[in-house]
Amino acid sequence: MILVMLVSFVVCGQGIAKLHDSGAWSWYFDPNLQNHQSSGFPNLTLTTVRCLNHIVGKILCGILIATASFGCHKLAFKHDCLYSGLFLMMAFAGWLTWVAVWLRFIQPFTPMIRM
């Protein structure tokens, strides 16, 4: 799962760089251009991508990967909470994987239509 988180982190970085190179970053992720309200899950995804766009966000995500890995290992194998530790690790890995898949496969095919 740690490898999945690291690969997802790298894919997120490549997806963000690709959007910057194509010039589509402001169309998709500029908060001033998005006038519509969205629900919690898409809003959290956009917030995560905007955070990963900055160097502070990348450092914070790297620290979170290390902390989550260490904390879940301690919880799972040192404190006999195997299912809780592995579930938390799977949830964090799943979130990073979702953002990477969304940036890599879903976002390039969404139209740039502004209502």
C-alpha atoms as a PDB file:
ATOM      1  CA  MET A   1       0.000   0.000   0.000  1.00  0.00           C
ATOM      2  CA  ILE A   2       2.944   2.310   0.606  1.00  0.00           C
ATOM      3  CA  LEU A   3       4.081   1.676  -2.963  1.00  0.00           C
ATOM      4  CA  VAL A   4       0.560   2.463  -4.221  1.00  0.00           C
ATOM      5  CA  MET A   5       0.623   5.756  -2.304  1.00  0.00           C
ATOM      6  CA  LEU A   6       4.032   6.693  -3.702  1.00  0.00           C
ATOM      7  CA  VAL A   7       3.056   5.798  -7.269  1.00  0.00           C
ATOM      8  CA  SER A   8      -0.193   7.745  -6.895  1.00  0.00           C
ATOM      9  CA  PHE A   9       1.735  10.749  -5.579  1.00  0.00           C
ATOM     10  CA  VAL A  10       4.060  10.654  -8.608  1.00  0.00           C
ATOM     11  CA  VAL A  11       1.144  10.237 -11.045  1.00  0.00           C
ATOM     12  CA  CYS A  12      -0.613  13.209  -9.402  1.00  0.00           C
ATOM     13  CA  GLY A  13       2.494  15.325  -9.895  1.00  0.00           C
ATOM     14  CA  GLN A  14       2.777  14.286 -13.540  1.00  0.00           C
ATOM     15  CA  GLY A  15      -0.914  14.997 -14.155  1.00  0.00           C
ATOM     16  CA  ILE A  16      -0.621  18.460 -12.651  1.00  0.00           C
ATOM     17  CA  ALA A  17       2.517  19.205 -14.702  1.00  0.00           C
ATOM     18  CA  LYS A  18       0.738  18.020 -17.847  1.00  0.00           C
ATOM     19  CA  LEU A  19      -2.192  20.363 -17.167  1.00  0.00           C
ATOM     20  CA  HIS A  20       0.205  23.271 -16.658  1.00  0.00           C
ATOM     21  CA  ASP A  21       2.013  22.459 -19.900  1.00  0.00           C
ATOM     22  CA  SER A  22      -1.229  22.320 -21.876  1.00  0.00           C
ATOM     23  CA  GLY A  23      -2.442  25.627 -20.425  1.00  0.00           C
ATOM     24  CA  ALA A  24      -5.666  24.059 -19.174  1.00  0.00           C
ATOM     25  CA  TRP A  25      -4.905  24.562 -15.473  1.00  0.00           C
ATOM     26  CA  SER A  26      -6.797  27.842 -15.172  1.00  0.00           C
ATOM     27  CA  TRP A  27      -9.803  26.424 -17.032  1.00  0.00           C
ATOM     28  CA  TYR A  28     -10.171  23.486 -14.695  1.00  0.00           C
ATOM     29  CA  PHE A  29      -8.829  24.594 -11.329  1.00  0.00           C
ATOM     30  CA  ASP A  30      -8.989  28.371 -10.987  1.00  0.00           C
ATOM     31  CA  PRO A  31     -11.411  29.007  -8.103  1.00  0.00           C
ATOM     32  CA  ASN A  32     -12.419  32.376  -9.592  1.00  0.00           C
ATOM     33  CA  LEU A  33     -13.717  30.758 -12.781  1.00  0.00           C
ATOM     34  CA  GLN A  34     -15.839  28.137 -11.045  1.00  0.00           C
ATOM     35  CA  ASN A  35     -19.160  29.754 -10.273  1.00  0.00           C
ATOM     36  CA  HIS A  36     -21.167  26.621  -9.561  1.00  0.00           C
ATOM     37  CA  GLN A  37     -21.519  24.901  -6.202  1.00  0.00           C
ATOM     38  CA  SER A  38     -20.352  21.317  -5.929  1.00  0.00           C
ATOM     39  CA  SER A  39     -20.898  18.652  -3.323  1.00  0.00           C
ATOM     40  CA  GLY A  40     -18.337  17.621  -0.734  1.00  0.00           C
ATOM     41  CA  PHE A  41     -16.545  14.825  -2.589  1.00  0.00           C
ATOM     42  CA  PRO A  42     -15.755  16.751  -5.830  1.00  0.00           C
ATOM     43  CA  ASN A  43     -14.884  19.812  -3.782  1.00  0.00           C
ATOM     44  CA  LEU A  44     -12.445  17.772  -1.662  1.00  0.00           C
ATOM     45  CA  THR A  45     -10.898  16.332  -4.838  1.00  0.00           C
ATOM     46  CA  LEU A  46     -10.390  19.820  -6.304  1.00  0.00           C
ATOM     47  CA  THR A  47      -8.960  21.078  -3.012  1.00  0.00           C
ATOM     48  CA  THR A  48      -6.511  18.158  -2.940  1.00  0.00           C
ATOM     49  CA  VAL A  49      -5.361  18.865  -6.507  1.00  0.00           C
ATOM     50  CA  ARG A  50      -4.942  22.586  -5.764  1.00  0.00           C
ATOM     51  CA  CYS A  51      -2.937  21.722  -2.647  1.00  0.00           C
ATOM     52  CA  LEU A  52      -0.692  19.335  -4.590  1.00  0.00           C
ATOM     53  CA  ASN A  53      -0.024  22.119  -7.091  1.00  0.00           C
ATOM     54  CA  HIS A  54       2.136  23.991  -4.561  1.00  0.00           C
ATOM     55  CA  ILE A  55       5.486  22.858  -3.194  1.00  0.00           C
ATOM     56  CA  VAL A  56       4.195  23.152   0.383  1.00  0.00           C
ATOM     57  CA  GLY A  57       1.326  20.821  -0.506  1.00  0.00           C
ATOM     58  CA  LYS A  58       3.729  18.301  -2.023  1.00  0.00           C
ATOM     59  CA  ILE A  59       5.923  18.371   1.070  1.00  0.00           C
ATOM     60  CA  LEU A  60       2.860  18.059   3.294  1.00  0.00           C
ATOM     61  CA  CYS A  61       1.599  15.086   1.273  1.00  0.00           C
ATOM     62  CA  GLY A  62       5.006  13.405   1.518  1.00  0.00           C
ATOM     63  CA  ILE A  63       4.995  13.920   5.278  1.00  0.00           C
ATOM     64  CA  LEU A  64       1.440  12.550   5.457  1.00  0.00           C
ATOM     65  CA  ILE A  65       2.470   9.450   3.490  1.00  0.00           C
ATOM     66  CA  ALA A  66       5.349   8.795   5.898  1.00  0.00           C
ATOM     67  CA  THR A  67       3.257   9.548   8.993  1.00  0.00           C
ATOM     68  CA  ALA A  68       0.282   7.481   7.849  1.00  0.00           C
ATOM     69  CA  SER A  69       2.547   4.554   6.993  1.00  0.00           C
ATOM     70  CA  PHE A  70       4.339   4.685  10.338  1.00  0.00           C
ATOM     71  CA  GLY A  71       1.154   5.274  12.352  1.00  0.00           C
ATOM     72  CA  CYS A  72      -0.800   2.512  10.631  1.00  0.00           C
ATOM     73  CA  HIS A  73       2.121   0.113  11.061  1.00  0.00           C
ATOM     74  CA  LYS A  74       2.246   0.886  14.785  1.00  0.00           C
ATOM     75  CA  LEU A  75      -1.527   0.570  15.108  1.00  0.00           C
ATOM     76  CA  ALA A  76      -1.705  -2.656  13.130  1.00  0.00           C
ATOM     77  CA  PHE A  77       1.301  -4.579  14.399  1.00  0.00           C
ATOM     78  CA  LYS A  78       2.349  -3.054  17.732  1.00  0.00           C
ATOM     79  CA  HIS A  79      -1.031  -2.359  19.335  1.00  0.00           C
ATOM     80  CA  ASP A  80      -2.942  -5.399  18.004  1.00  0.00           C
ATOM     81  CA  CYS A  81      -5.446  -3.323  16.030  1.00  0.00           C
ATOM     82  CA  LEU A  82      -4.710  -5.036  12.734  1.00  0.00           C
ATOM     83  CA  TYR A  83      -7.975  -4.281  10.959  1.00  0.00           C
ATOM     84  CA  SER A  84      -8.155  -0.652  12.096  1.00  0.00           C
ATOM     85  CA  GLY A  85      -4.567   0.074  11.059  1.00  0.00           C
ATOM     86  CA  LEU A  86      -4.897  -1.615   7.688  1.00  0.00           C
ATOM     87  CA  PHE A  87      -8.275   0.033   7.048  1.00  0.00           C
ATOM     88  CA  LEU A  88      -6.840   3.511   7.706  1.00  0.00           C
ATOM     89  CA  MET A  89      -3.877   2.733   5.466  1.00  0.00           C
ATOM     90  CA  MET A  90      -6.198   1.465   2.738  1.00  0.00           C
ATOM     91  CA  ALA A  91      -8.402   4.569   3.021  1.00  0.00           C
ATOM     92  CA  PHE A  92      -5.443   6.935   2.658  1.00  0.00           C
ATOM     93  CA  ALA A  93      -3.985   4.914  -0.231  1.00  0.00           C
ATOM     94  CA  GLY A  94      -7.429   4.793  -1.858  1.00  0.00           C
ATOM     95  CA  TRP A  95      -7.816   8.558  -1.669  1.00  0.00           C
ATOM     96  CA  LEU A  96      -4.447   9.236  -3.287  1.00  0.00           C
ATOM     97  CA  THR A  97      -5.183   6.607  -5.919  1.00  0.00           C
ATOM     98  CA  TRP A  98      -8.561   8.201  -6.681  1.00  0.00           C
ATOM     99  CA  VAL A  99      -6.972  11.632  -7.175  1.00  0.00           C
ATOM    100  CA  ALA A 100      -4.264  10.131  -9.421  1.00  0.00           C
ATOM    101  CA  VAL A 101      -6.806   8.198 -11.521  1.00  0.00           C
ATOM    102  CA  TRP A 102      -9.036  11.255 -11.750  1.00  0.00           C
ATOM    103  CA  LEU A 103      -6.159  13.456 -12.946  1.00  0.00           C
ATOM    104  CA  ARG A 104      -4.796  10.848 -15.346  1.00  0.00           C
ATOM    105  CA  PHE A 105      -7.898   9.302 -16.905  1.00  0.00           C
ATOM    106  CA  ILE A 106     -11.039  11.288 -16.110  1.00  0.00           C
ATOM    107  CA  GLN A 107     -10.004  14.952 -16.128  1.00  0.00           C
ATOM    108  CA  PRO A 108      -8.496  14.989 -19.669  1.00  0.00           C
ATOM    109  CA  PHE A 109     -11.814  13.823 -21.103  1.00  0.00           C
ATOM    110  CA  THR A 110     -14.103  16.267 -19.318  1.00  0.00           C
ATOM    111  CA  PRO A 111     -15.153  19.184 -21.475  1.00  0.00           C
ATOM    112  CA  MET A 112     -14.142  22.734 -20.695  1.00  0.00           C
ATOM    113  CA  ILE A 113     -17.683  24.112 -20.820  1.00  0.00           C
ATOM    114  CA  ARG A 114     -18.491  27.116 -18.661  1.00  0.00           C
ATOM    115  CA  MET A 115     -22.143  27.775 -17.939  1.00  0.00           C
END
